[in-house]
Amino acid sequence: MKTEIILKEGYPYIIVSFGAFLIALLFSFPLIIQLGLLGLFLFFVYFFRNPERVPEEVSEHAIISPSDGTIISITEEISPILKKESIKISVKLSLFDVHVQRSPIDGEIKAREYIYGEFLFLSNEKASELNEQNRVLFTNKKTEIVVNQIAGFVTRRIVMFKDLGPVKLAERYGMIMFGSQVDIYLPKNTIIKITEFQKIKAGETLIGYINED
């Protein structure tokens, strides 16, 4: 199946901003307005890019990052859906990160919970608890991983590309519009290979190994 270079979810933003730019040219709007609308059009093209990614490691034990962004914390908390003690990795996405999320393992999307909530700034410590979010459980014979897409103040939409069922390692399964956060919940015996403040890429960066001991 051919991969879109630009996500179709971005077409309305791209078309409207380009149309506004053409109108500004046609009616000789001030140069600063023309440049602003051109910049907005180019930003939307850039934001909704959908690049191919190759995992750093492909093995039955590898766990690949489901999200672009910067790791802001690595803690231990109870995971949603599973309700188990887990290693929680919180990832902050800027407007310049790719906002597509990918499967961290080869296996199955086993469950999903969509929580309707608020749109607090992500700097608010209550945001990951109260904001609108989409929790997805990935499983295979070796592990269970929950990935939680969290909407921010600007974000008003979380999109799922896939339903429950089989999913491949690094396969695209959803996206969050604009600035956002992704929390990853791993089993406590996972061997972690990343550190706080590290920049990671969805479908590419190795974040840990499944530990079967």
N, C-alpha and C. Protein backbone atom coordinates (compact mmCIF):
# COMPACT_ATOMS: atom_id res chain seq x y z
N MET A 1 0.85 -1.20 0.00
CA MET A 1 0.00 0.00 0.00
C MET A 1 0.88 1.25 0.00
N LYS A 2 0.59 2.18 -0.87
CA LYS A 2 1.38 3.39 -0.99
C LYS A 2 1.16 4.31 0.20
N THR A 3 2.26 4.85 0.72
CA THR A 3 2.20 5.73 1.88
C THR A 3 2.04 7.18 1.44
N GLU A 4 1.15 7.89 2.12
CA GLU A 4 0.96 9.31 1.82
C GLU A 4 2.17 10.10 2.31
N ILE A 5 2.72 10.98 1.47
CA ILE A 5 3.80 11.85 1.90
C ILE A 5 3.25 12.92 2.84
N ILE A 6 2.05 13.39 2.52
CA ILE A 6 1.32 14.34 3.37
C ILE A 6 0.04 13.66 3.83
N LEU A 7 -0.23 13.67 5.14
CA LEU A 7 -1.43 13.02 5.66
C LEU A 7 -2.69 13.70 5.15
N LYS A 8 -3.68 12.91 4.80
CA LYS A 8 -4.95 13.47 4.29
C LYS A 8 -5.65 14.32 5.33
N GLU A 9 -5.38 14.05 6.62
CA GLU A 9 -5.97 14.87 7.68
C GLU A 9 -5.53 16.32 7.60
N GLY A 10 -4.41 16.56 6.91
CA GLY A 10 -3.90 17.91 6.77
C GLY A 10 -4.43 18.67 5.57
N TYR A 11 -5.11 17.97 4.66
CA TYR A 11 -5.57 18.62 3.43
C TYR A 11 -6.45 19.84 3.68
N PRO A 12 -7.43 19.78 4.60
CA PRO A 12 -8.27 20.97 4.81
C PRO A 12 -7.45 22.19 5.23
N TYR A 13 -6.48 22.00 6.13
CA TYR A 13 -5.64 23.11 6.59
C TYR A 13 -4.78 23.65 5.45
N ILE A 14 -4.21 22.74 4.67
CA ILE A 14 -3.32 23.13 3.57
C ILE A 14 -4.10 23.86 2.48
N ILE A 15 -5.26 23.32 2.09
CA ILE A 15 -6.05 23.91 1.01
C ILE A 15 -6.58 25.29 1.41
N VAL A 16 -7.10 25.40 2.63
CA VAL A 16 -7.66 26.68 3.08
C VAL A 16 -6.57 27.74 3.19
N SER A 17 -5.42 27.38 3.75
CA SER A 17 -4.34 28.37 3.90
C SER A 17 -3.78 28.79 2.54
N PHE A 18 -3.70 27.84 1.60
CA PHE A 18 -3.21 28.19 0.26
C PHE A 18 -4.23 29.07 -0.46
N GLY A 19 -5.52 28.74 -0.29
CA GLY A 19 -6.56 29.57 -0.89
C GLY A 19 -6.53 30.99 -0.35
N ALA A 20 -6.33 31.13 0.96
CA ALA A 20 -6.25 32.46 1.57
C ALA A 20 -5.04 33.23 1.03
N PHE A 21 -3.94 32.52 0.82
CA PHE A 21 -2.74 33.16 0.25
C PHE A 21 -3.01 33.65 -1.17
N LEU A 22 -3.71 32.85 -1.99
CA LEU A 22 -4.02 33.26 -3.36
C LEU A 22 -4.94 34.48 -3.37
N ILE A 23 -5.91 34.50 -2.46
CA ILE A 23 -6.81 35.65 -2.37
C ILE A 23 -6.03 36.91 -1.99
N ALA A 24 -5.09 36.75 -1.07
CA ALA A 24 -4.26 37.89 -0.65
C ALA A 24 -3.44 38.43 -1.81
N LEU A 25 -2.96 37.51 -2.68
CA LEU A 25 -2.21 37.95 -3.87
C LEU A 25 -3.14 38.64 -4.86
N LEU A 26 -4.30 38.03 -5.12
CA LEU A 26 -5.23 38.53 -6.13
C LEU A 26 -5.73 39.93 -5.79
N PHE A 27 -5.98 40.17 -4.51
CA PHE A 27 -6.53 41.46 -4.10
C PHE A 27 -5.47 42.40 -3.51
N SER A 28 -4.22 42.06 -3.75
CA SER A 28 -3.08 42.92 -3.36
C SER A 28 -3.11 43.32 -1.88
N PHE A 29 -3.30 42.32 -1.03
CA PHE A 29 -3.21 42.57 0.41
C PHE A 29 -1.79 43.04 0.74
N PRO A 30 -1.60 43.71 1.88
CA PRO A 30 -0.25 44.13 2.27
C PRO A 30 0.72 42.94 2.28
N LEU A 31 1.96 43.22 1.95
CA LEU A 31 2.97 42.18 1.82
C LEU A 31 3.10 41.33 3.08
N ILE A 32 2.99 41.97 4.24
CA ILE A 32 3.15 41.22 5.49
C ILE A 32 2.05 40.17 5.66
N ILE A 33 0.83 40.48 5.16
CA ILE A 33 -0.27 39.51 5.23
C ILE A 33 -0.02 38.38 4.24
N GLN A 34 0.44 38.73 3.04
CA GLN A 34 0.75 37.71 2.04
C GLN A 34 1.82 36.74 2.55
N LEU A 35 2.87 37.30 3.14
CA LEU A 35 3.95 36.46 3.66
C LEU A 35 3.48 35.61 4.83
N GLY A 36 2.62 36.19 5.68
CA GLY A 36 2.08 35.44 6.82
C GLY A 36 1.26 34.25 6.37
N LEU A 37 0.41 34.45 5.36
CA LEU A 37 -0.42 33.36 4.86
C LEU A 37 0.41 32.31 4.13
N LEU A 38 1.44 32.76 3.41
CA LEU A 38 2.35 31.80 2.76
C LEU A 38 3.07 30.96 3.82
N GLY A 39 3.52 31.63 4.89
CA GLY A 39 4.19 30.92 5.97
C GLY A 39 3.27 29.90 6.63
N LEU A 40 1.99 30.26 6.80
CA LEU A 40 1.02 29.35 7.40
C LEU A 40 0.81 28.13 6.51
N PHE A 41 0.70 28.37 5.20
CA PHE A 41 0.56 27.26 4.25
C PHE A 41 1.76 26.32 4.32
N LEU A 42 2.96 26.87 4.32
CA LEU A 42 4.18 26.05 4.37
C LEU A 42 4.28 25.29 5.70
N PHE A 43 3.84 25.93 6.78
CA PHE A 43 3.87 25.26 8.09
C PHE A 43 2.96 24.04 8.07
N PHE A 44 1.74 24.18 7.53
CA PHE A 44 0.83 23.04 7.51
C PHE A 44 1.37 21.90 6.64
N VAL A 45 1.99 22.22 5.51
CA VAL A 45 2.62 21.19 4.68
C VAL A 45 3.68 20.45 5.48
N TYR A 46 4.49 21.22 6.22
CA TYR A 46 5.56 20.63 7.03
C TYR A 46 4.99 19.83 8.19
N PHE A 47 3.99 20.37 8.87
CA PHE A 47 3.44 19.72 10.05
C PHE A 47 2.81 18.36 9.71
N PHE A 48 2.11 18.27 8.61
CA PHE A 48 1.40 17.05 8.26
C PHE A 48 2.24 16.10 7.40
N ARG A 49 3.56 16.28 7.42
CA ARG A 49 4.44 15.36 6.70
C ARG A 49 4.36 13.97 7.32
N ASN A 50 4.62 12.97 6.52
CA ASN A 50 4.45 11.58 6.95
C ASN A 50 5.64 10.76 6.47
N PRO A 51 6.82 10.96 7.07
CA PRO A 51 8.04 10.33 6.54
C PRO A 51 8.10 8.83 6.82
N GLU A 52 8.84 8.13 5.97
CA GLU A 52 9.12 6.72 6.23
C GLU A 52 10.15 6.63 7.35
N ARG A 53 10.06 5.60 8.16
CA ARG A 53 11.00 5.39 9.25
C ARG A 53 11.47 3.93 9.23
N VAL A 54 12.75 3.73 9.57
CA VAL A 54 13.32 2.39 9.67
C VAL A 54 13.77 2.17 11.11
N PRO A 55 13.24 1.16 11.83
CA PRO A 55 13.63 0.94 13.22
C PRO A 55 15.12 0.70 13.37
N GLU A 56 15.69 1.22 14.47
CA GLU A 56 17.11 1.00 14.76
C GLU A 56 17.42 -0.49 14.96
N GLU A 57 16.44 -1.21 15.46
CA GLU A 57 16.61 -2.66 15.66
C GLU A 57 15.28 -3.35 15.43
N VAL A 58 15.32 -4.47 14.73
CA VAL A 58 14.12 -5.26 14.49
C VAL A 58 14.37 -6.65 15.07
N SER A 59 13.73 -6.94 16.19
CA SER A 59 13.82 -8.25 16.82
C SER A 59 12.59 -8.47 17.67
N GLU A 60 12.38 -9.70 18.10
CA GLU A 60 11.18 -10.01 18.89
C GLU A 60 11.24 -9.39 20.28
N HIS A 61 12.42 -8.91 20.70
CA HIS A 61 12.56 -8.29 22.01
C HIS A 61 12.63 -6.76 21.97
N ALA A 62 12.77 -6.19 20.78
CA ALA A 62 12.94 -4.74 20.66
C ALA A 62 11.62 -4.00 20.85
N ILE A 63 11.69 -2.88 21.57
CA ILE A 63 10.55 -1.96 21.72
C ILE A 63 10.95 -0.64 21.09
N ILE A 64 10.23 -0.22 20.08
CA ILE A 64 10.56 0.99 19.32
C ILE A 64 9.63 2.13 19.74
N SER A 65 10.17 3.33 19.77
CA SER A 65 9.37 4.48 20.21
C SER A 65 8.11 4.63 19.37
N PRO A 66 6.96 4.83 20.04
CA PRO A 66 5.72 5.09 19.30
C PRO A 66 5.55 6.55 18.91
N SER A 67 6.43 7.42 19.40
CA SER A 67 6.21 8.86 19.21
C SER A 67 7.51 9.62 18.99
N ASP A 68 7.43 10.67 18.19
CA ASP A 68 8.50 11.67 18.14
C ASP A 68 8.42 12.52 19.40
N GLY A 69 9.51 13.26 19.69
CA GLY A 69 9.46 14.20 20.79
C GLY A 69 10.67 14.12 21.69
N THR A 70 10.56 14.77 22.85
CA THR A 70 11.62 14.79 23.85
C THR A 70 11.11 14.14 25.12
N ILE A 71 11.88 13.23 25.69
CA ILE A 71 11.50 12.56 26.92
C ILE A 71 11.60 13.55 28.07
N ILE A 72 10.48 13.80 28.75
CA ILE A 72 10.48 14.76 29.85
C ILE A 72 10.53 14.09 31.22
N SER A 73 10.19 12.80 31.28
CA SER A 73 10.30 12.09 32.56
C SER A 73 10.23 10.59 32.34
N ILE A 74 10.89 9.86 33.25
CA ILE A 74 10.80 8.39 33.32
C ILE A 74 10.49 8.06 34.78
N THR A 75 9.29 7.59 35.04
CA THR A 75 8.84 7.34 36.41
C THR A 75 8.17 5.96 36.49
N GLU A 76 7.65 5.64 37.66
CA GLU A 76 6.87 4.42 37.84
C GLU A 76 5.46 4.80 38.27
N GLU A 77 4.47 4.30 37.54
CA GLU A 77 3.07 4.60 37.84
C GLU A 77 2.19 3.42 37.44
N ILE A 78 0.94 3.46 37.89
CA ILE A 78 -0.05 2.46 37.47
C ILE A 78 -0.49 2.79 36.05
N SER A 79 -0.45 1.81 35.17
CA SER A 79 -0.83 2.05 33.77
C SER A 79 -2.34 2.06 33.61
N PRO A 80 -2.84 2.89 32.67
CA PRO A 80 -4.25 2.80 32.31
C PRO A 80 -4.52 1.47 31.62
N ILE A 81 -5.75 1.09 31.54
CA ILE A 81 -6.23 -0.16 30.94
C ILE A 81 -5.79 -1.38 31.75
N LEU A 82 -4.47 -1.61 31.85
CA LEU A 82 -3.96 -2.80 32.54
C LEU A 82 -4.04 -2.67 34.06
N LYS A 83 -3.93 -1.43 34.58
CA LYS A 83 -3.94 -1.17 36.02
C LYS A 83 -2.81 -1.93 36.73
N LYS A 84 -1.60 -1.87 36.13
CA LYS A 84 -0.44 -2.53 36.71
C LYS A 84 0.67 -1.51 36.95
N GLU A 85 1.54 -1.81 37.93
CA GLU A 85 2.74 -1.01 38.14
C GLU A 85 3.59 -1.07 36.88
N SER A 86 3.96 0.09 36.35
CA SER A 86 4.66 0.15 35.07
C SER A 86 5.73 1.23 35.08
N ILE A 87 6.63 1.14 34.13
CA ILE A 87 7.56 2.24 33.85
C ILE A 87 6.85 3.19 32.90
N LYS A 88 6.72 4.44 33.32
CA LYS A 88 6.03 5.44 32.50
C LYS A 88 7.05 6.38 31.88
N ILE A 89 7.05 6.46 30.55
CA ILE A 89 7.92 7.37 29.81
C ILE A 89 7.03 8.45 29.19
N SER A 90 7.23 9.70 29.61
CA SER A 90 6.42 10.80 29.08
C SER A 90 7.21 11.55 28.01
N VAL A 91 6.57 11.76 26.86
CA VAL A 91 7.22 12.37 25.70
C VAL A 91 6.45 13.63 25.31
N LYS A 92 7.15 14.74 25.25
CA LYS A 92 6.55 16.02 24.85
C LYS A 92 6.85 16.27 23.38
N LEU A 93 5.79 16.54 22.61
CA LEU A 93 5.94 16.86 21.19
C LEU A 93 5.84 18.36 20.99
N SER A 94 6.75 18.91 20.22
CA SER A 94 6.65 20.32 19.83
C SER A 94 5.89 20.41 18.52
N LEU A 95 5.58 21.63 18.10
CA LEU A 95 4.88 21.81 16.83
C LEU A 95 5.71 21.35 15.64
N PHE A 96 7.01 21.16 15.85
CA PHE A 96 7.90 20.81 14.74
C PHE A 96 8.21 19.33 14.68
N ASP A 97 7.67 18.55 15.62
CA ASP A 97 7.82 17.10 15.56
C ASP A 97 6.77 16.50 14.64
N VAL A 98 7.07 15.31 14.09
CA VAL A 98 6.06 14.56 13.37
C VAL A 98 5.06 14.04 14.39
N HIS A 99 3.77 14.26 14.17
CA HIS A 99 2.75 13.93 15.17
C HIS A 99 2.06 12.60 14.92
N VAL A 100 2.62 11.76 14.05
CA VAL A 100 2.10 10.43 13.80
C VAL A 100 2.65 9.47 14.85
N GLN A 101 1.76 8.63 15.42
CA GLN A 101 2.21 7.61 16.37
C GLN A 101 2.24 6.24 15.69
N ARG A 102 3.20 5.40 16.16
CA ARG A 102 3.43 4.10 15.55
C ARG A 102 3.47 3.00 16.61
N SER A 103 3.20 1.79 16.17
CA SER A 103 3.19 0.66 17.09
C SER A 103 4.60 0.38 17.63
N PRO A 104 4.74 0.22 18.97
CA PRO A 104 6.06 -0.04 19.55
C PRO A 104 6.54 -1.48 19.40
N ILE A 105 5.62 -2.39 19.07
CA ILE A 105 5.95 -3.80 18.92
C ILE A 105 5.18 -4.41 17.76
N ASP A 106 5.60 -5.61 17.40
CA ASP A 106 4.87 -6.40 16.42
C ASP A 106 3.86 -7.24 17.19
N GLY A 107 2.58 -7.11 16.90
CA GLY A 107 1.60 -7.85 17.69
C GLY A 107 0.18 -7.50 17.36
N GLU A 108 -0.53 -6.97 18.35
CA GLU A 108 -1.96 -6.73 18.21
C GLU A 108 -2.38 -5.51 19.02
N ILE A 109 -3.30 -4.72 18.45
CA ILE A 109 -3.98 -3.70 19.24
C ILE A 109 -5.13 -4.41 19.94
N LYS A 110 -4.99 -4.59 21.26
CA LYS A 110 -5.91 -5.44 22.01
C LYS A 110 -7.09 -4.67 22.59
N ALA A 111 -6.86 -3.41 22.97
CA ALA A 111 -7.93 -2.62 23.59
C ALA A 111 -7.67 -1.14 23.39
N ARG A 112 -8.74 -0.36 23.56
CA ARG A 112 -8.62 1.09 23.40
C ARG A 112 -9.63 1.78 24.31
N GLU A 113 -9.20 2.88 24.94
CA GLU A 113 -10.08 3.71 25.75
C GLU A 113 -9.93 5.16 25.32
N TYR A 114 -11.03 5.79 24.92
CA TYR A 114 -10.99 7.22 24.60
C TYR A 114 -11.63 7.97 25.76
N ILE A 115 -10.86 8.88 26.36
CA ILE A 115 -11.31 9.63 27.52
C ILE A 115 -11.58 11.07 27.11
N TYR A 116 -12.84 11.50 27.18
CA TYR A 116 -13.18 12.88 26.88
C TYR A 116 -12.86 13.74 28.10
N GLY A 117 -12.13 14.82 27.90
CA GLY A 117 -11.71 15.63 29.04
C GLY A 117 -11.44 17.06 28.67
N GLU A 118 -10.53 17.67 29.41
CA GLU A 118 -10.22 19.09 29.24
C GLU A 118 -9.07 19.27 28.25
N PHE A 119 -8.70 20.53 28.02
CA PHE A 119 -7.60 20.86 27.12
C PHE A 119 -6.66 21.83 27.84
N LEU A 120 -6.14 21.38 28.98
CA LEU A 120 -5.22 22.20 29.76
C LEU A 120 -3.88 22.31 29.06
N PHE A 121 -3.13 23.37 29.38
CA PHE A 121 -1.75 23.44 28.90
C PHE A 121 -0.99 22.24 29.45
N LEU A 122 -0.12 21.64 28.64
CA LEU A 122 0.59 20.45 29.06
C LEU A 122 1.59 20.71 30.17
N SER A 123 1.91 21.97 30.42
CA SER A 123 2.78 22.33 31.54
C SER A 123 2.06 22.16 32.89
N ASN A 124 0.73 22.08 32.84
CA ASN A 124 -0.07 21.86 34.05
C ASN A 124 0.10 20.40 34.49
N GLU A 125 0.47 20.19 35.75
CA GLU A 125 0.73 18.83 36.24
C GLU A 125 -0.50 17.93 36.19
N LYS A 126 -1.69 18.52 36.08
CA LYS A 126 -2.93 17.74 36.01
C LYS A 126 -3.32 17.39 34.58
N ALA A 127 -2.56 17.90 33.60
CA ALA A 127 -2.96 17.72 32.20
C ALA A 127 -3.03 16.24 31.80
N SER A 128 -2.02 15.46 32.19
CA SER A 128 -2.01 14.05 31.78
C SER A 128 -3.11 13.24 32.45
N GLU A 129 -3.71 13.80 33.50
CA GLU A 129 -4.81 13.13 34.19
C GLU A 129 -6.18 13.60 33.69
N LEU A 130 -6.31 14.92 33.41
CA LEU A 130 -7.61 15.51 33.11
C LEU A 130 -7.87 15.77 31.63
N ASN A 131 -6.81 15.87 30.81
CA ASN A 131 -7.01 16.22 29.40
C ASN A 131 -7.60 15.07 28.60
N GLU A 132 -8.17 15.43 27.45
CA GLU A 132 -8.69 14.42 26.53
C GLU A 132 -7.55 13.53 26.08
N GLN A 133 -7.82 12.22 26.01
CA GLN A 133 -6.74 11.28 25.69
C GLN A 133 -7.26 10.00 25.06
N ASN A 134 -6.35 9.30 24.40
CA ASN A 134 -6.68 8.06 23.71
C ASN A 134 -5.66 7.00 24.14
N ARG A 135 -6.13 6.00 24.90
CA ARG A 135 -5.25 4.97 25.42
C ARG A 135 -5.36 3.72 24.57
N VAL A 136 -4.21 3.17 24.16
CA VAL A 136 -4.19 2.01 23.27
C VAL A 136 -3.28 0.94 23.87
N LEU A 137 -3.79 -0.29 23.94
CA LEU A 137 -3.03 -1.42 24.47
C LEU A 137 -2.48 -2.27 23.32
N PHE A 138 -1.14 -2.39 23.30
CA PHE A 138 -0.45 -3.24 22.32
C PHE A 138 0.03 -4.50 23.04
N THR A 139 -0.21 -5.66 22.46
CA THR A 139 0.21 -6.91 23.09
C THR A 139 0.83 -7.87 22.07
N ASN A 140 1.67 -8.75 22.57
CA ASN A 140 2.09 -9.94 21.84
C ASN A 140 2.36 -11.03 22.88
N LYS A 141 2.97 -12.12 22.49
CA LYS A 141 3.17 -13.23 23.42
C LYS A 141 4.17 -12.90 24.52
N LYS A 142 4.95 -11.82 24.35
CA LYS A 142 6.03 -11.52 25.28
C LYS A 142 5.76 -10.31 26.18
N THR A 143 4.87 -9.39 25.78
CA THR A 143 4.73 -8.16 26.56
C THR A 143 3.38 -7.48 26.34
N GLU A 144 3.09 -6.50 27.18
CA GLU A 144 1.90 -5.65 27.06
C GLU A 144 2.35 -4.20 27.27
N ILE A 145 1.99 -3.32 26.34
CA ILE A 145 2.42 -1.92 26.39
C ILE A 145 1.21 -1.02 26.15
N VAL A 146 1.06 -0.02 26.99
CA VAL A 146 -0.02 0.96 26.80
C VAL A 146 0.60 2.27 26.33
N VAL A 147 0.05 2.83 25.26
CA VAL A 147 0.47 4.14 24.76
C VAL A 147 -0.72 5.08 24.87
N ASN A 148 -0.49 6.22 25.52
CA ASN A 148 -1.58 7.18 25.78
C ASN A 148 -1.31 8.49 25.04
N GLN A 149 -2.13 8.80 24.06
CA GLN A 149 -2.05 10.06 23.33
C GLN A 149 -2.84 11.11 24.12
N ILE A 150 -2.21 12.22 24.47
CA ILE A 150 -2.84 13.24 25.30
C ILE A 150 -2.95 14.55 24.54
N ALA A 151 -4.16 15.09 24.46
CA ALA A 151 -4.38 16.36 23.78
C ALA A 151 -3.91 17.51 24.66
N GLY A 152 -3.45 18.59 24.03
CA GLY A 152 -3.02 19.78 24.76
C GLY A 152 -3.98 20.94 24.56
N PHE A 153 -3.56 22.14 24.94
CA PHE A 153 -4.41 23.33 24.84
C PHE A 153 -4.77 23.63 23.39
N VAL A 154 -3.78 23.51 22.49
CA VAL A 154 -4.02 23.80 21.07
C VAL A 154 -4.70 22.61 20.39
N THR A 155 -4.32 21.40 20.82
CA THR A 155 -4.86 20.19 20.20
C THR A 155 -6.35 20.04 20.47
N ARG A 156 -7.10 19.73 19.45
CA ARG A 156 -8.53 19.49 19.65
C ARG A 156 -8.97 18.19 18.98
N ARG A 157 -8.00 17.39 18.56
CA ARG A 157 -8.38 16.19 17.83
C ARG A 157 -7.30 15.13 17.92
N ILE A 158 -7.72 13.90 18.26
CA ILE A 158 -6.84 12.74 18.24
C ILE A 158 -7.42 11.78 17.22
N VAL A 159 -6.61 11.29 16.30
CA VAL A 159 -7.07 10.48 15.18
C VAL A 159 -6.52 9.06 15.30
N MET A 160 -7.37 8.06 15.05
CA MET A 160 -6.93 6.67 14.97
C MET A 160 -6.98 6.22 13.51
N PHE A 161 -5.89 5.61 13.03
CA PHE A 161 -5.85 5.09 11.67
C PHE A 161 -6.25 3.61 11.62
N LYS A 162 -6.13 2.92 12.77
CA LYS A 162 -6.37 1.47 12.79
C LYS A 162 -7.40 1.10 13.85
N ASP A 163 -8.10 -0.01 13.60
CA ASP A 163 -9.01 -0.59 14.58
C ASP A 163 -8.27 -1.65 15.39
N LEU A 164 -8.98 -2.29 16.30
CA LEU A 164 -8.40 -3.40 17.04
C LEU A 164 -8.01 -4.51 16.08
N GLY A 165 -6.89 -5.19 16.41
CA GLY A 165 -6.44 -6.28 15.55
C GLY A 165 -4.94 -6.25 15.32
N PRO A 166 -4.44 -7.05 14.38
CA PRO A 166 -3.00 -7.17 14.15
C PRO A 166 -2.36 -5.84 13.77
N VAL A 167 -1.13 -5.63 14.23
CA VAL A 167 -0.37 -4.42 13.90
C VAL A 167 1.10 -4.78 13.80
N LYS A 168 1.80 -4.16 12.89
CA LYS A 168 3.22 -4.44 12.68
C LYS A 168 4.09 -3.46 13.46
N LEU A 169 5.29 -3.88 13.78
CA LEU A 169 6.26 -3.00 14.42
C LEU A 169 6.43 -1.73 13.60
N ALA A 170 6.32 -0.57 14.24
CA ALA A 170 6.51 0.75 13.63
C ALA A 170 5.40 1.13 12.64
N GLU A 171 4.31 0.37 12.60
CA GLU A 171 3.19 0.72 11.72
C GLU A 171 2.45 1.93 12.29
N ARG A 172 2.05 2.86 11.44
CA ARG A 172 1.29 4.03 11.86
C ARG A 172 -0.09 3.61 12.35
N TYR A 173 -0.48 4.11 13.53
CA TYR A 173 -1.82 3.77 14.02
C TYR A 173 -2.65 4.99 14.38
N GLY A 174 -2.04 6.18 14.51
CA GLY A 174 -2.82 7.36 14.86
C GLY A 174 -1.96 8.62 14.89
N MET A 175 -2.61 9.74 15.21
CA MET A 175 -1.87 11.00 15.33
C MET A 175 -2.63 11.95 16.26
N ILE A 176 -1.89 12.94 16.76
CA ILE A 176 -2.48 14.01 17.56
C ILE A 176 -2.25 15.31 16.81
N MET A 177 -3.27 16.14 16.74
CA MET A 177 -3.13 17.42 16.05
C MET A 177 -2.37 18.43 16.91
N PHE A 178 -1.29 18.95 16.38
CA PHE A 178 -0.52 20.06 16.97
C PHE A 178 0.11 19.65 18.30
N GLY A 179 0.51 20.63 19.14
CA GLY A 179 1.30 20.33 20.34
C GLY A 179 0.61 19.31 21.24
N SER A 180 1.36 18.37 21.79
CA SER A 180 0.73 17.28 22.52
C SER A 180 1.76 16.50 23.34
N GLN A 181 1.27 15.44 24.01
CA GLN A 181 2.13 14.59 24.83
C GLN A 181 1.72 13.14 24.63
N VAL A 182 2.70 12.25 24.70
CA VAL A 182 2.44 10.82 24.64
C VAL A 182 3.11 10.16 25.85
N ASP A 183 2.33 9.35 26.59
CA ASP A 183 2.86 8.58 27.70
C ASP A 183 2.94 7.11 27.30
N ILE A 184 4.07 6.49 27.58
CA ILE A 184 4.29 5.08 27.24
C ILE A 184 4.44 4.30 28.54
N TYR A 185 3.64 3.25 28.71
CA TYR A 185 3.69 2.43 29.92
C TYR A 185 4.25 1.05 29.57
N LEU A 186 5.41 0.73 30.15
CA LEU A 186 6.10 -0.51 29.88
C LEU A 186 6.12 -1.39 31.14
N PRO A 187 6.16 -2.73 30.98
CA PRO A 187 6.30 -3.59 32.16
C PRO A 187 7.54 -3.21 32.98
N LYS A 188 7.47 -3.41 34.29
CA LYS A 188 8.53 -2.95 35.18
C LYS A 188 9.87 -3.64 34.93
N ASN A 189 9.84 -4.84 34.33
CA ASN A 189 11.10 -5.54 34.07
C ASN A 189 11.70 -5.20 32.70
N THR A 190 11.13 -4.21 32.01
CA THR A 190 11.67 -3.80 30.71
C THR A 190 13.08 -3.22 30.87
N ILE A 191 13.96 -3.56 29.97
CA ILE A 191 15.32 -3.01 29.96
C ILE A 191 15.29 -1.70 29.18
N ILE A 192 15.39 -0.57 29.88
CA ILE A 192 15.26 0.75 29.26
C ILE A 192 16.58 1.18 28.62
N LYS A 193 16.51 1.72 27.40
CA LYS A 193 17.71 2.11 26.66
C LYS A 193 17.74 3.60 26.33
N ILE A 194 16.84 4.37 26.92
CA ILE A 194 16.82 5.81 26.67
C ILE A 194 16.93 6.56 28.00
N THR A 195 17.13 7.87 27.94
CA THR A 195 17.29 8.68 29.14
C THR A 195 16.39 9.92 29.06
N GLU A 196 16.17 10.55 30.20
CA GLU A 196 15.41 11.79 30.23
C GLU A 196 16.08 12.85 29.36
N PHE A 197 15.27 13.68 28.72
CA PHE A 197 15.68 14.79 27.87
C PHE A 197 16.25 14.34 26.52
N GLN A 198 16.19 13.05 26.25
CA GLN A 198 16.65 12.54 24.96
C GLN A 198 15.59 12.80 23.90
N LYS A 199 16.02 13.13 22.70
CA LYS A 199 15.14 13.30 21.56
C LYS A 199 14.94 11.94 20.89
N ILE A 200 13.69 11.57 20.65
CA ILE A 200 13.40 10.26 20.05
C ILE A 200 12.50 10.42 18.83
N LYS A 201 12.46 9.36 18.00
CA LYS A 201 11.65 9.38 16.79
C LYS A 201 10.76 8.15 16.73
N ALA A 202 9.50 8.36 16.37
CA ALA A 202 8.54 7.27 16.24
C ALA A 202 8.98 6.31 15.14
N GLY A 203 8.86 5.01 15.41
CA GLY A 203 9.18 4.02 14.40
C GLY A 203 10.65 3.85 14.13
N GLU A 204 11.51 4.53 14.90
CA GLU A 204 12.94 4.48 14.64
C GLU A 204 13.78 4.22 15.89
N THR A 205 13.56 5.01 16.96
CA THR A 205 14.41 4.95 18.14
C THR A 205 14.10 3.73 19.01
N LEU A 206 15.13 2.96 19.35
CA LEU A 206 14.99 1.85 20.27
C LEU A 206 14.85 2.42 21.68
N ILE A 207 13.74 2.11 22.37
CA ILE A 207 13.57 2.63 23.73
C ILE A 207 13.76 1.56 24.80
N GLY A 208 13.78 0.29 24.42
CA GLY A 208 13.99 -0.74 25.41
C GLY A 208 13.90 -2.14 24.83
N TYR A 209 14.13 -3.11 25.72
CA TYR A 209 14.04 -4.52 25.35
C TYR A 209 13.06 -5.22 26.28
N ILE A 210 12.33 -6.19 25.73
CA ILE A 210 11.49 -7.04 26.54
C ILE A 210 12.39 -7.98 27.33
N ASN A 211 12.20 -8.02 28.63
CA ASN A 211 12.99 -8.89 29.50
C ASN A 211 12.14 -10.09 29.91
N GLU A 212 12.55 -11.27 29.50
CA GLU A 212 11.75 -12.47 29.78
C GLU A 212 12.23 -13.20 31.02
N ASP A 213 13.25 -12.67 31.72
CA ASP A 213 13.76 -13.34 32.93
C ASP A 213 12.76 -13.21 34.07
